[in-house]
Amino acid sequence: MIISASRRSDIPAFFSDWFINRIKERYVFVRNPMNIHQISKIDLSPEVVDCIVFWTKNPLPLINKLDYLNNYNYYFQYTLNSYTNDLEVNLPTKNELIDAFKILSDSIGREKVIWRYDPILINKKYTIEYHELHFEKLAKSLKDYTEKCVISFVDFYRNVNKKLNYLGIYDIPMEAKKNIVKKLSQIASSYGLKMEACSEDIDFSIYNVGKSKCIDNKLIERIIGSPIKVEKDKNQRLACGCVSSIDIGLYNTCQNGCKYCYANYQIDTILHNLKNYDVNSPLLCSKIDSYKDRIYERKVESLKQNQIRFDL
């Protein structure tokens, strides 16, 4: 089983104590986002958790707790953009985040820290030239601390359209996207970084940019030293290359305040959820309703394929 922690919220930044308590207790409760009264109990014992994929913009609160994960395999999807606090409201300074990236990489290995530069968006302030300039500054700082950079372009989801329009952010034409990818790929390559695109319909292979698997079976096999048997994640977009995982987060709990975020967009709901945060609860930012909620134990198992193979 692969655990995603989490596409829905920044668990390392805001809920690291809760997460470590779940690791200690060896289980977690997760609400079904399509049926909120259905709760799954997920076994988190090392015997069934093949890998944990962390998603974060600030790993600092979790870094000094990594010893609790000595029996687990994991890697980080670390988003580090060039935007200021008009778009990413509550993040530490860029220098602090770059330093955190380096500390994390030195602690666990550069192959386990994936740099995400996404989403790429364009307006009067964040021009193509702006991205080129600041992407190169970041690439120069991070080149010895990661192996690749993953990019994607902003998606105009219904729940964030008004914010994007207010900020003058517009849908980027295809040719402009190709031009941006070409230039950023050239910069990445000049610093020895591989580049991949996440959930993009356009083929960028002509610019030496492959298709990303953020939940990456090949990387997981490399980290754990064993082949795994896992299917493509059918719950993601068609252009998404990720393999199947179980996400343990909750929408509308992240406090980074990113204006383009599809997962955390209702301020009232975020405040309500945060009031329910209990570091000792098996359920993130939510209380169990004994009348309406139903808890089911989800069957999980290791994906490792340990049988001996004889090639004839």
C-alpha atoms as a PDB file:
ATOM      1  CA  MET A   1       0.000   0.000   0.000  1.00  0.00           C
ATOM      2  CA  ILE A   2       1.142   3.513  -0.808  1.00  0.00           C
ATOM      3  CA  ILE A   3       0.069   6.349   1.490  1.00  0.00           C
ATOM      4  CA  SER A   4      -0.368   9.867   0.103  1.00  0.00           C
ATOM      5  CA  ALA A   5       0.089  12.539   2.785  1.00  0.00           C
ATOM      6  CA  SER A   6      -1.470  14.481   1.166  1.00  0.00           C
ATOM      7  CA  ARG A   7      -2.834  16.000  -2.023  1.00  0.00           C
ATOM      8  CA  ARG A   8      -5.659  17.461   0.069  1.00  0.00           C
ATOM      9  CA  SER A   9      -3.676  19.305   2.728  1.00  0.00           C
ATOM     10  CA  ASP A  10      -0.111  20.137   3.782  1.00  0.00           C
ATOM     11  CA  ILE A  11       0.274  17.538   6.529  1.00  0.00           C
ATOM     12  CA  PRO A  12       4.039  18.071   7.070  1.00  0.00           C
ATOM     13  CA  ALA A  13       3.558  21.819   7.554  1.00  0.00           C
ATOM     14  CA  PHE A  14       0.498  21.866   9.810  1.00  0.00           C
ATOM     15  CA  PHE A  15      -0.290  18.405  11.129  1.00  0.00           C
ATOM     16  CA  SER A  16       3.046  16.699  11.689  1.00  0.00           C
ATOM     17  CA  ASP A  17       2.311  15.933  15.359  1.00  0.00           C
ATOM     18  CA  TRP A  18      -1.015  14.359  14.395  1.00  0.00           C
ATOM     19  CA  PHE A  19       0.671  12.322  11.675  1.00  0.00           C
ATOM     20  CA  ILE A  20       3.385  11.004  13.992  1.00  0.00           C
ATOM     21  CA  ASN A  21       0.723  10.016  16.511  1.00  0.00           C
ATOM     22  CA  ARG A  22      -1.005   8.051  13.751  1.00  0.00           C
ATOM     23  CA  ILE A  23       2.297   6.325  12.996  1.00  0.00           C
ATOM     24  CA  LYS A  24       2.709   5.476  16.676  1.00  0.00           C
ATOM     25  CA  GLU A  25      -0.858   4.133  16.874  1.00  0.00           C
ATOM     26  CA  ARG A  26      -0.425   2.274  13.552  1.00  0.00           C
ATOM     27  CA  TYR A  27      -3.781   3.327  12.085  1.00  0.00           C
ATOM     28  CA  VAL A  28      -5.687   6.333  10.754  1.00  0.00           C
ATOM     29  CA  PHE A  29      -9.330   7.183   9.982  1.00  0.00           C
ATOM     30  CA  VAL A  30     -10.091   8.843   6.635  1.00  0.00           C
ATOM     31  CA  ARG A  31     -13.389  10.331   5.455  1.00  0.00           C
ATOM     32  CA  ASN A  32     -14.505   9.514   1.943  1.00  0.00           C
ATOM     33  CA  PRO A  33     -14.663  12.945   0.204  1.00  0.00           C
ATOM     34  CA  MET A  34     -17.569  11.705  -1.928  1.00  0.00           C
ATOM     35  CA  ASN A  35     -19.486  10.345   1.087  1.00  0.00           C
ATOM     36  CA  ILE A  36     -18.388  12.176   4.215  1.00  0.00           C
ATOM     37  CA  HIS A  37     -20.179   9.850   6.621  1.00  0.00           C
ATOM     38  CA  GLN A  38     -18.209   6.874   5.349  1.00  0.00           C
ATOM     39  CA  ILE A  39     -14.948   6.542   7.280  1.00  0.00           C
ATOM     40  CA  SER A  40     -12.207   4.075   6.447  1.00  0.00           C
ATOM     41  CA  LYS A  41      -9.862   2.688   9.051  1.00  0.00           C
ATOM     42  CA  ILE A  42      -6.446   2.306   7.439  1.00  0.00           C
ATOM     43  CA  ASP A  43      -3.723   0.068   8.859  1.00  0.00           C
ATOM     44  CA  LEU A  44      -0.436   2.020   9.027  1.00  0.00           C
ATOM     45  CA  SER A  45       1.836  -0.769  10.229  1.00  0.00           C
ATOM     46  CA  PRO A  46       5.213  -0.974   8.424  1.00  0.00           C
ATOM     47  CA  GLU A  47       4.362  -4.451   7.143  1.00  0.00           C
ATOM     48  CA  VAL A  48       1.658  -3.105   4.806  1.00  0.00           C
ATOM     49  CA  VAL A  49       2.863   0.467   4.122  1.00  0.00           C
ATOM     50  CA  ASP A  50       5.325   0.142   1.246  1.00  0.00           C
ATOM     51  CA  CYS A  51       5.940   3.874   0.897  1.00  0.00           C
ATOM     52  CA  ILE A  52       4.630   7.231   2.110  1.00  0.00           C
ATOM     53  CA  VAL A  53       4.521  10.138  -0.340  1.00  0.00           C
ATOM     54  CA  PHE A  54       4.537  13.512   1.397  1.00  0.00           C
ATOM     55  CA  TRP A  55       3.273  16.654  -0.372  1.00  0.00           C
ATOM     56  CA  THR A  56       4.393  19.928   1.161  1.00  0.00           C
ATOM     57  CA  LYS A  57       5.455  23.523   0.747  1.00  0.00           C
ATOM     58  CA  ASN A  58       7.119  23.586   4.150  1.00  0.00           C
ATOM     59  CA  PRO A  59       8.600  20.392   5.651  1.00  0.00           C
ATOM     60  CA  LEU A  60      10.276  22.166   8.589  1.00  0.00           C
ATOM     61  CA  PRO A  61       7.807  20.997  11.309  1.00  0.00           C
ATOM     62  CA  LEU A  62       8.285  17.361  10.244  1.00  0.00           C
ATOM     63  CA  ILE A  63      12.044  17.280   9.676  1.00  0.00           C
ATOM     64  CA  ASN A  64      12.971  16.863  13.337  1.00  0.00           C
ATOM     65  CA  LYS A  65      10.447  14.019  13.681  1.00  0.00           C
ATOM     66  CA  LEU A  66      11.747  11.811  10.875  1.00  0.00           C
ATOM     67  CA  ASP A  67      13.313   9.364  13.341  1.00  0.00           C
ATOM     68  CA  TYR A  68       9.788   8.120  14.025  1.00  0.00           C
ATOM     69  CA  LEU A  69       9.707   6.931  10.406  1.00  0.00           C
ATOM     70  CA  ASN A  70      12.804   4.737  10.601  1.00  0.00           C
ATOM     71  CA  ASN A  71      10.703   1.637   9.848  1.00  0.00           C
ATOM     72  CA  TYR A  72       9.083   3.257   6.800  1.00  0.00           C
ATOM     73  CA  ASN A  73      10.093   4.205   3.271  1.00  0.00           C
ATOM     74  CA  TYR A  74       9.065   7.621   1.985  1.00  0.00           C
ATOM     75  CA  TYR A  75       9.822  10.543  -0.277  1.00  0.00           C
ATOM     76  CA  PHE A  76       8.703  14.168  -0.591  1.00  0.00           C
ATOM     77  CA  GLN A  77       6.967  16.145  -3.312  1.00  0.00           C
ATOM     78  CA  TYR A  78       8.263  19.585  -2.310  1.00  0.00           C
ATOM     79  CA  THR A  79       6.629  22.566  -4.032  1.00  0.00           C
ATOM     80  CA  LEU A  80       8.903  25.589  -4.187  1.00  0.00           C
ATOM     81  CA  ASN A  81       7.691  28.345  -6.488  1.00  0.00           C
ATOM     82  CA  SER A  82       8.872  31.849  -7.310  1.00  0.00           C
ATOM     83  CA  TYR A  83       5.645  33.562  -6.186  1.00  0.00           C
ATOM     84  CA  THR A  84       5.399  36.113  -3.395  1.00  0.00           C
ATOM     85  CA  ASN A  85       2.737  36.338  -0.681  1.00  0.00           C
ATOM     86  CA  ASP A  86       0.141  37.816  -3.002  1.00  0.00           C
ATOM     87  CA  LEU A  87      -0.380  34.238  -4.220  1.00  0.00           C
ATOM     88  CA  GLU A  88       1.127  32.082  -1.469  1.00  0.00           C
ATOM     89  CA  VAL A  89      -0.004  33.938   1.600  1.00  0.00           C
ATOM     90  CA  ASN A  90       1.329  32.143   4.656  1.00  0.00           C
ATOM     91  CA  LEU A  91       4.617  30.582   3.597  1.00  0.00           C
ATOM     92  CA  PRO A  92       8.012  31.253   5.204  1.00  0.00           C
ATOM     93  CA  THR A  93      10.549  33.259   3.205  1.00  0.00           C
ATOM     94  CA  LYS A  94      12.147  31.781   0.097  1.00  0.00           C
ATOM     95  CA  ASN A  95      15.516  31.594   1.840  1.00  0.00           C
ATOM     96  CA  GLU A  96      13.975  29.612   4.709  1.00  0.00           C
ATOM     97  CA  LEU A  97      12.288  27.239   2.280  1.00  0.00           C
ATOM     98  CA  ILE A  98      15.468  26.750   0.242  1.00  0.00           C
ATOM     99  CA  ASP A  99      17.380  26.013   3.439  1.00  0.00           C
ATOM    100  CA  ALA A 100      14.678  23.537   4.494  1.00  0.00           C
ATOM    101  CA  PHE A 101      14.939  21.833   1.101  1.00  0.00           C
ATOM    102  CA  LYS A 102      18.687  21.418   1.584  1.00  0.00           C
ATOM    103  CA  ILE A 103      18.338  20.135   5.152  1.00  0.00           C
ATOM    104  CA  LEU A 104      15.715  17.614   4.083  1.00  0.00           C
ATOM    105  CA  SER A 105      17.797  16.441   1.126  1.00  0.00           C
ATOM    106  CA  ASP A 106      20.912  16.034   3.264  1.00  0.00           C
ATOM    107  CA  SER A 107      18.857  14.044   5.784  1.00  0.00           C
ATOM    108  CA  ILE A 108      17.139  11.550   3.471  1.00  0.00           C
ATOM    109  CA  GLY A 109      18.894  11.738   0.079  1.00  0.00           C
ATOM    110  CA  ARG A 110      18.412  13.933  -2.979  1.00  0.00           C
ATOM    111  CA  GLU A 111      16.523  11.214  -4.881  1.00  0.00           C
ATOM    112  CA  LYS A 112      13.782  11.361  -2.223  1.00  0.00           C
ATOM    113  CA  VAL A 113      13.109  15.090  -2.557  1.00  0.00           C
ATOM    114  CA  ILE A 114      11.274  15.989  -5.779  1.00  0.00           C
ATOM    115  CA  TRP A 115      11.203  19.691  -6.592  1.00  0.00           C
ATOM    116  CA  ARG A 116       7.804  20.835  -7.836  1.00  0.00           C
ATOM    117  CA  TYR A 117       7.589  24.160  -9.639  1.00  0.00           C
ATOM    118  CA  ASP A 118       3.842  24.321 -10.049  1.00  0.00           C
ATOM    119  CA  PRO A 119       1.390  25.521 -10.955  1.00  0.00           C
ATOM    120  CA  ILE A 120       2.867  27.862 -13.546  1.00  0.00           C
ATOM    121  CA  LEU A 121       0.554  30.835 -14.056  1.00  0.00           C
ATOM    122  CA  ILE A 122       0.837  34.064 -16.002  1.00  0.00           C
ATOM    123  CA  ASN A 123      -0.365  37.618 -15.369  1.00  0.00           C
ATOM    124  CA  LYS A 124       1.114  41.118 -15.614  1.00  0.00           C
ATOM    125  CA  LYS A 125       3.464  40.463 -12.689  1.00  0.00           C
ATOM    126  CA  TYR A 126       4.311  36.808 -13.278  1.00  0.00           C
ATOM    127  CA  THR A 127       5.403  36.999 -16.894  1.00  0.00           C
ATOM    128  CA  ILE A 128       7.312  34.395 -18.873  1.00  0.00           C
ATOM    129  CA  GLU A 129      10.466  36.436 -18.288  1.00  0.00           C
ATOM    130  CA  TYR A 130       9.757  36.493 -14.542  1.00  0.00           C
ATOM    131  CA  HIS A 131       9.501  32.698 -14.474  1.00  0.00           C
ATOM    132  CA  GLU A 132      12.720  32.281 -16.449  1.00  0.00           C
ATOM    133  CA  LEU A 133      14.658  34.560 -14.104  1.00  0.00           C
ATOM    134  CA  HIS A 134      13.396  33.158 -10.816  1.00  0.00           C
ATOM    135  CA  PHE A 135      13.260  29.536 -11.932  1.00  0.00           C
ATOM    136  CA  GLU A 136      16.970  29.757 -12.725  1.00  0.00           C
ATOM    137  CA  LYS A 137      17.705  31.204  -9.286  1.00  0.00           C
ATOM    138  CA  LEU A 138      15.900  28.287  -7.658  1.00  0.00           C
ATOM    139  CA  ALA A 139      17.493  25.718  -9.968  1.00  0.00           C
ATOM    140  CA  LYS A 140      20.932  27.045  -9.129  1.00  0.00           C
ATOM    141  CA  SER A 141      20.195  26.785  -5.394  1.00  0.00           C
ATOM    142  CA  LEU A 142      18.660  23.297  -5.552  1.00  0.00           C
ATOM    143  CA  LYS A 143      20.767  21.566  -8.206  1.00  0.00           C
ATOM    144  CA  ASP A 144      22.798  19.543  -5.706  1.00  0.00           C
ATOM    145  CA  TYR A 145      19.802  18.627  -3.553  1.00  0.00           C
ATOM    146  CA  THR A 146      17.378  16.983  -5.983  1.00  0.00           C
ATOM    147  CA  GLU A 147      17.431  14.976  -9.185  1.00  0.00           C
ATOM    148  CA  LYS A 148      14.431  16.382 -10.999  1.00  0.00           C
ATOM    149  CA  CYS A 149      11.857  19.134 -11.243  1.00  0.00           C
ATOM    150  CA  VAL A 150       8.156  18.572 -11.930  1.00  0.00           C
ATOM    151  CA  ILE A 151       6.132  21.341 -13.576  1.00  0.00           C
ATOM    152  CA  SER A 152       2.470  21.878 -14.407  1.00  0.00           C
ATOM    153  CA  PHE A 153       0.230  24.723 -15.525  1.00  0.00           C
ATOM    154  CA  VAL A 154      -2.574  26.234 -13.485  1.00  0.00           C
ATOM    155  CA  ASP A 155      -5.999  24.637 -13.899  1.00  0.00           C
ATOM    156  CA  PHE A 156      -9.082  26.834 -13.924  1.00  0.00           C
ATOM    157  CA  TYR A 157     -11.290  24.866 -11.561  1.00  0.00           C
ATOM    158  CA  ARG A 158     -14.726  26.306 -10.885  1.00  0.00           C
ATOM    159  CA  ASN A 159     -14.000  26.895  -7.203  1.00  0.00           C
ATOM    160  CA  VAL A 160     -10.946  29.106  -7.885  1.00  0.00           C
ATOM    161  CA  ASN A 161     -11.972  30.852 -11.112  1.00  0.00           C
ATOM    162  CA  LYS A 162     -13.035  34.098  -9.406  1.00  0.00           C
ATOM    163  CA  LYS A 163      -9.748  34.408  -7.515  1.00  0.00           C
ATOM    164  CA  LEU A 164      -7.706  33.773 -10.648  1.00  0.00           C
ATOM    165  CA  ASN A 165      -9.719  36.272 -12.682  1.00  0.00           C
ATOM    166  CA  TYR A 166      -9.357  38.886  -9.943  1.00  0.00           C
ATOM    167  CA  LEU A 167      -5.584  38.425 -10.034  1.00  0.00           C
ATOM    168  CA  GLY A 168      -5.514  38.813 -13.806  1.00  0.00           C
ATOM    169  CA  ILE A 169      -4.382  35.244 -14.350  1.00  0.00           C
ATOM    170  CA  TYR A 170      -5.362  33.916 -17.751  1.00  0.00           C
ATOM    171  CA  ASP A 171      -5.373  30.592 -19.539  1.00  0.00           C
ATOM    172  CA  ILE A 172      -2.045  30.159 -21.314  1.00  0.00           C
ATOM    173  CA  PRO A 173      -2.257  29.342 -25.047  1.00  0.00           C
ATOM    174  CA  MET A 174      -0.681  26.093 -26.174  1.00  0.00           C
ATOM    175  CA  GLU A 175       2.203  27.686 -28.064  1.00  0.00           C
ATOM    176  CA  ALA A 176       3.044  29.849 -25.060  1.00  0.00           C
ATOM    177  CA  LYS A 177       3.062  26.749 -22.851  1.00  0.00           C
ATOM    178  CA  LYS A 178       5.473  25.062 -25.221  1.00  0.00           C
ATOM    179  CA  ASN A 179       7.702  28.124 -25.191  1.00  0.00           C
ATOM    180  CA  ILE A 180       7.735  28.225 -21.377  1.00  0.00           C
ATOM    181  CA  VAL A 181       8.490  24.515 -21.085  1.00  0.00           C
ATOM    182  CA  LYS A 182      11.272  24.760 -23.661  1.00  0.00           C
ATOM    183  CA  LYS A 183      12.980  27.592 -21.779  1.00  0.00           C
ATOM    184  CA  LEU A 184      12.576  26.091 -18.312  1.00  0.00           C
ATOM    185  CA  SER A 185      13.776  22.699 -19.549  1.00  0.00           C
ATOM    186  CA  GLN A 186      16.904  24.286 -20.978  1.00  0.00           C
ATOM    187  CA  ILE A 187      17.598  25.941 -17.628  1.00  0.00           C
ATOM    188  CA  ALA A 188      16.975  22.730 -15.696  1.00  0.00           C
ATOM    189  CA  SER A 189      19.234  20.764 -18.023  1.00  0.00           C
ATOM    190  CA  SER A 190      22.019  23.305 -17.634  1.00  0.00           C
ATOM    191  CA  TYR A 191      22.009  22.525 -13.901  1.00  0.00           C
ATOM    192  CA  GLY A 192      21.846  18.762 -14.393  1.00  0.00           C
ATOM    193  CA  LEU A 193      18.173  18.430 -13.468  1.00  0.00           C
ATOM    194  CA  LYS A 194      15.680  16.164 -15.186  1.00  0.00           C
ATOM    195  CA  MET A 195      12.294  17.770 -15.914  1.00  0.00           C
ATOM    196  CA  GLU A 196       8.835  16.174 -16.069  1.00  0.00           C
ATOM    197  CA  ALA A 197       5.332  17.583 -16.613  1.00  0.00           C
ATOM    198  CA  CYS A 198       2.444  16.673 -14.304  1.00  0.00           C
ATOM    199  CA  SER A 199      -1.063  15.977 -15.707  1.00  0.00           C
ATOM    200  CA  GLU A 200      -0.526  17.825 -18.970  1.00  0.00           C
ATOM    201  CA  ASP A 201      -2.215  16.724 -22.203  1.00  0.00           C
ATOM    202  CA  ILE A 202       0.534  18.249 -24.339  1.00  0.00           C
ATOM    203  CA  ASP A 203       3.505  16.105 -25.336  1.00  0.00           C
ATOM    204  CA  PHE A 204       6.630  18.013 -24.290  1.00  0.00           C
ATOM    205  CA  SER A 205       9.089  15.228 -25.110  1.00  0.00           C
ATOM    206  CA  ILE A 206      10.606  17.294 -27.932  1.00  0.00           C
ATOM    207  CA  TYR A 207      11.969  19.550 -25.158  1.00  0.00           C
ATOM    208  CA  ASN A 208      13.338  16.576 -23.189  1.00  0.00           C
ATOM    209  CA  VAL A 209      10.428  16.778 -20.727  1.00  0.00           C
ATOM    210  CA  GLY A 210       8.734  13.512 -19.817  1.00  0.00           C
ATOM    211  CA  LYS A 211       5.364  12.753 -18.222  1.00  0.00           C
ATOM    212  CA  SER A 212       5.428  12.754 -14.433  1.00  0.00           C
ATOM    213  CA  LYS A 213       4.186  10.134 -12.006  1.00  0.00           C
ATOM    214  CA  CYS A 214       4.001  11.955  -8.699  1.00  0.00           C
ATOM    215  CA  ILE A 215       3.030   8.691  -7.032  1.00  0.00           C
ATOM    216  CA  ASP A 216       5.816   6.927  -8.896  1.00  0.00           C
ATOM    217  CA  ASN A 217       6.043   3.134  -8.853  1.00  0.00           C
ATOM    218  CA  LYS A 218       9.540   3.154 -10.375  1.00  0.00           C
ATOM    219  CA  LEU A 219      10.893   5.550  -7.766  1.00  0.00           C
ATOM    220  CA  ILE A 220       9.204   3.550  -5.017  1.00  0.00           C
ATOM    221  CA  GLU A 221      10.782   0.334  -6.296  1.00  0.00           C
ATOM    222  CA  ARG A 222      14.150   2.077  -6.271  1.00  0.00           C
ATOM    223  CA  ILE A 223      13.658   3.321  -2.707  1.00  0.00           C
ATOM    224  CA  ILE A 224      12.353   0.074  -1.218  1.00  0.00           C
ATOM    225  CA  GLY A 225      14.575  -2.244  -3.245  1.00  0.00           C
ATOM    226  CA  SER A 226      11.728  -4.444  -4.410  1.00  0.00           C
ATOM    227  CA  PRO A 227       9.332  -4.632  -7.370  1.00  0.00           C
ATOM    228  CA  ILE A 228       5.716  -3.758  -6.614  1.00  0.00           C
ATOM    229  CA  LYS A 229       2.468  -4.648  -8.312  1.00  0.00           C
ATOM    230  CA  VAL A 230       0.216  -1.619  -8.552  1.00  0.00           C
ATOM    231  CA  GLU A 231      -2.323  -0.230 -11.015  1.00  0.00           C
ATOM    232  CA  LYS A 232      -2.729   3.293 -12.385  1.00  0.00           C
ATOM    233  CA  ASP A 233      -4.844   5.474 -10.115  1.00  0.00           C
ATOM    234  CA  LYS A 234      -8.301   5.486 -11.687  1.00  0.00           C
ATOM    235  CA  ASN A 235      -9.508   8.283  -9.395  1.00  0.00           C
ATOM    236  CA  GLN A 236      -7.202  10.890 -10.945  1.00  0.00           C
ATOM    237  CA  ARG A 237      -7.461  12.803 -14.214  1.00  0.00           C
ATOM    238  CA  LEU A 238      -6.756  10.907 -17.446  1.00  0.00           C
ATOM    239  CA  ALA A 239      -3.523  12.829 -18.000  1.00  0.00           C
ATOM    240  CA  CYS A 240      -2.295  11.921 -14.509  1.00  0.00           C
ATOM    241  CA  GLY A 241       0.361   9.203 -14.485  1.00  0.00           C
ATOM    242  CA  CYS A 242       0.157   8.367 -10.772  1.00  0.00           C
ATOM    243  CA  VAL A 243      -0.281   4.838  -9.531  1.00  0.00           C
ATOM    244  CA  SER A 244      -2.899   3.985  -6.928  1.00  0.00           C
ATOM    245  CA  SER A 245      -2.502   5.254  -3.361  1.00  0.00           C
ATOM    246  CA  ILE A 246      -4.591   6.021  -0.289  1.00  0.00           C
ATOM    247  CA  ASP A 247      -4.778   9.691   0.617  1.00  0.00           C
ATOM    248  CA  ILE A 248      -5.149  10.392   4.350  1.00  0.00           C
ATOM    249  CA  GLY A 249      -5.777  14.137   4.175  1.00  0.00           C
ATOM    250  CA  LEU A 250      -8.909  16.285   4.381  1.00  0.00           C
ATOM    251  CA  TYR A 251      -9.913  19.082   2.015  1.00  0.00           C
ATOM    252  CA  ASN A 252     -10.189  22.619   3.410  1.00  0.00           C
ATOM    253  CA  THR A 253      -7.652  22.196   6.202  1.00  0.00           C
ATOM    254  CA  CYS A 254      -4.470  23.660   4.687  1.00  0.00           C
ATOM    255  CA  GLN A 255      -3.368  27.060   5.975  1.00  0.00           C
ATOM    256  CA  ASN A 256      -0.825  27.985   3.294  1.00  0.00           C
ATOM    257  CA  GLY A 257      -3.431  30.287   1.748  1.00  0.00           C
ATOM    258  CA  CYS A 258      -2.472  29.727  -1.888  1.00  0.00           C
ATOM    259  CA  LYS A 259      -4.901  31.626  -4.099  1.00  0.00           C
ATOM    260  CA  TYR A 260      -4.799  29.054  -6.913  1.00  0.00           C
ATOM    261  CA  CYS A 261      -5.489  25.997  -4.733  1.00  0.00           C
ATOM    262  CA  TYR A 262      -8.427  23.741  -5.676  1.00  0.00           C
ATOM    263  CA  ALA A 263      -8.269  21.720  -2.428  1.00  0.00           C
ATOM    264  CA  ASN A 264      -8.555  24.528   0.121  1.00  0.00           C
ATOM    265  CA  TYR A 265     -10.836  27.304  -1.028  1.00  0.00           C
ATOM    266  CA  GLN A 266     -13.620  27.778   1.559  1.00  0.00           C
ATOM    267  CA  ILE A 267     -12.344  29.976   4.396  1.00  0.00           C
ATOM    268  CA  ASP A 268     -15.329  29.311   6.670  1.00  0.00           C
ATOM    269  CA  THR A 269     -14.954  25.563   6.205  1.00  0.00           C
ATOM    270  CA  ILE A 270     -11.210  25.747   6.882  1.00  0.00           C
ATOM    271  CA  LEU A 271     -11.814  27.634  10.145  1.00  0.00           C
ATOM    272  CA  HIS A 272     -14.517  25.157  11.152  1.00  0.00           C
ATOM    273  CA  ASN A 273     -12.286  22.173  10.400  1.00  0.00           C
ATOM    274  CA  LEU A 274      -9.331  23.639  12.280  1.00  0.00           C
ATOM    275  CA  LYS A 275     -11.489  24.053  15.394  1.00  0.00           C
ATOM    276  CA  ASN A 276     -11.937  20.277  15.287  1.00  0.00           C
ATOM    277  CA  TYR A 277      -8.212  19.572  15.104  1.00  0.00           C
ATOM    278  CA  ASP A 278      -7.171  17.143  17.819  1.00  0.00           C
ATOM    279  CA  VAL A 279      -3.586  15.927  17.705  1.00  0.00           C
ATOM    280  CA  ASN A 280      -4.646  12.661  19.349  1.00  0.00           C
ATOM    281  CA  SER A 281      -7.669  11.943  17.167  1.00  0.00           C
ATOM    282  CA  PRO A 282      -7.499   9.184  14.535  1.00  0.00           C
ATOM    283  CA  LEU A 283      -9.425  11.530  12.222  1.00  0.00           C
ATOM    284  CA  LEU A 284      -7.875  14.724  10.847  1.00  0.00           C
ATOM    285  CA  CYS A 285      -9.750  17.929  11.774  1.00  0.00           C
ATOM    286  CA  SER A 286     -13.049  16.182  12.209  1.00  0.00           C
ATOM    287  CA  LYS A 287     -15.147  14.661  14.962  1.00  0.00           C
ATOM    288  CA  ILE A 288     -16.954  11.357  14.670  1.00  0.00           C
ATOM    289  CA  ASP A 289     -20.754  11.555  14.690  1.00  0.00           C
ATOM    290  CA  SER A 290     -21.879   8.328  16.359  1.00  0.00           C
ATOM    291  CA  TYR A 291     -25.311   8.604  14.710  1.00  0.00           C
ATOM    292  CA  LYS A 292     -24.382   9.406  11.114  1.00  0.00           C
ATOM    293  CA  ASP A 293     -20.836   8.150  10.598  1.00  0.00           C
ATOM    294  CA  ARG A 294     -19.991   4.562   9.732  1.00  0.00           C
ATOM    295  CA  ILE A 295     -16.488   3.193  10.125  1.00  0.00           C
ATOM    296  CA  TYR A 296     -15.228   0.441   7.851  1.00  0.00           C
ATOM    297  CA  GLU A 297     -11.898  -1.342   8.076  1.00  0.00           C
ATOM    298  CA  ARG A 298     -10.309  -1.129   4.657  1.00  0.00           C
ATOM    299  CA  LYS A 299      -8.448  -4.182   3.494  1.00  0.00           C
ATOM    300  CA  VAL A 300      -4.865  -3.250   2.668  1.00  0.00           C
ATOM    301  CA  GLU A 301      -1.732  -5.210   1.920  1.00  0.00           C
ATOM    302  CA  SER A 302       1.847  -4.772   0.807  1.00  0.00           C
ATOM    303  CA  LEU A 303       2.389  -4.400  -2.926  1.00  0.00           C
ATOM    304  CA  LYS A 304       5.846  -5.993  -2.863  1.00  0.00           C
ATOM    305  CA  GLN A 305       6.513  -8.841  -5.264  1.00  0.00           C
ATOM    306  CA  ASN A 306       9.108 -10.924  -3.458  1.00  0.00           C
ATOM    307  CA  GLN A 307       8.774 -14.197  -5.302  1.00  0.00           C
ATOM    308  CA  ILE A 308      11.868 -15.546  -7.049  1.00  0.00           C
ATOM    309  CA  ARG A 309      11.797 -15.181 -10.832  1.00  0.00           C
ATOM    310  CA  PHE A 310      13.609 -17.443 -13.285  1.00  0.00           C
ATOM    311  CA  ASP A 311      14.159 -15.908 -16.697  1.00  0.00           C
ATOM    312  CA  LEU A 312      14.176 -18.652 -19.335  1.00  0.00           C
END
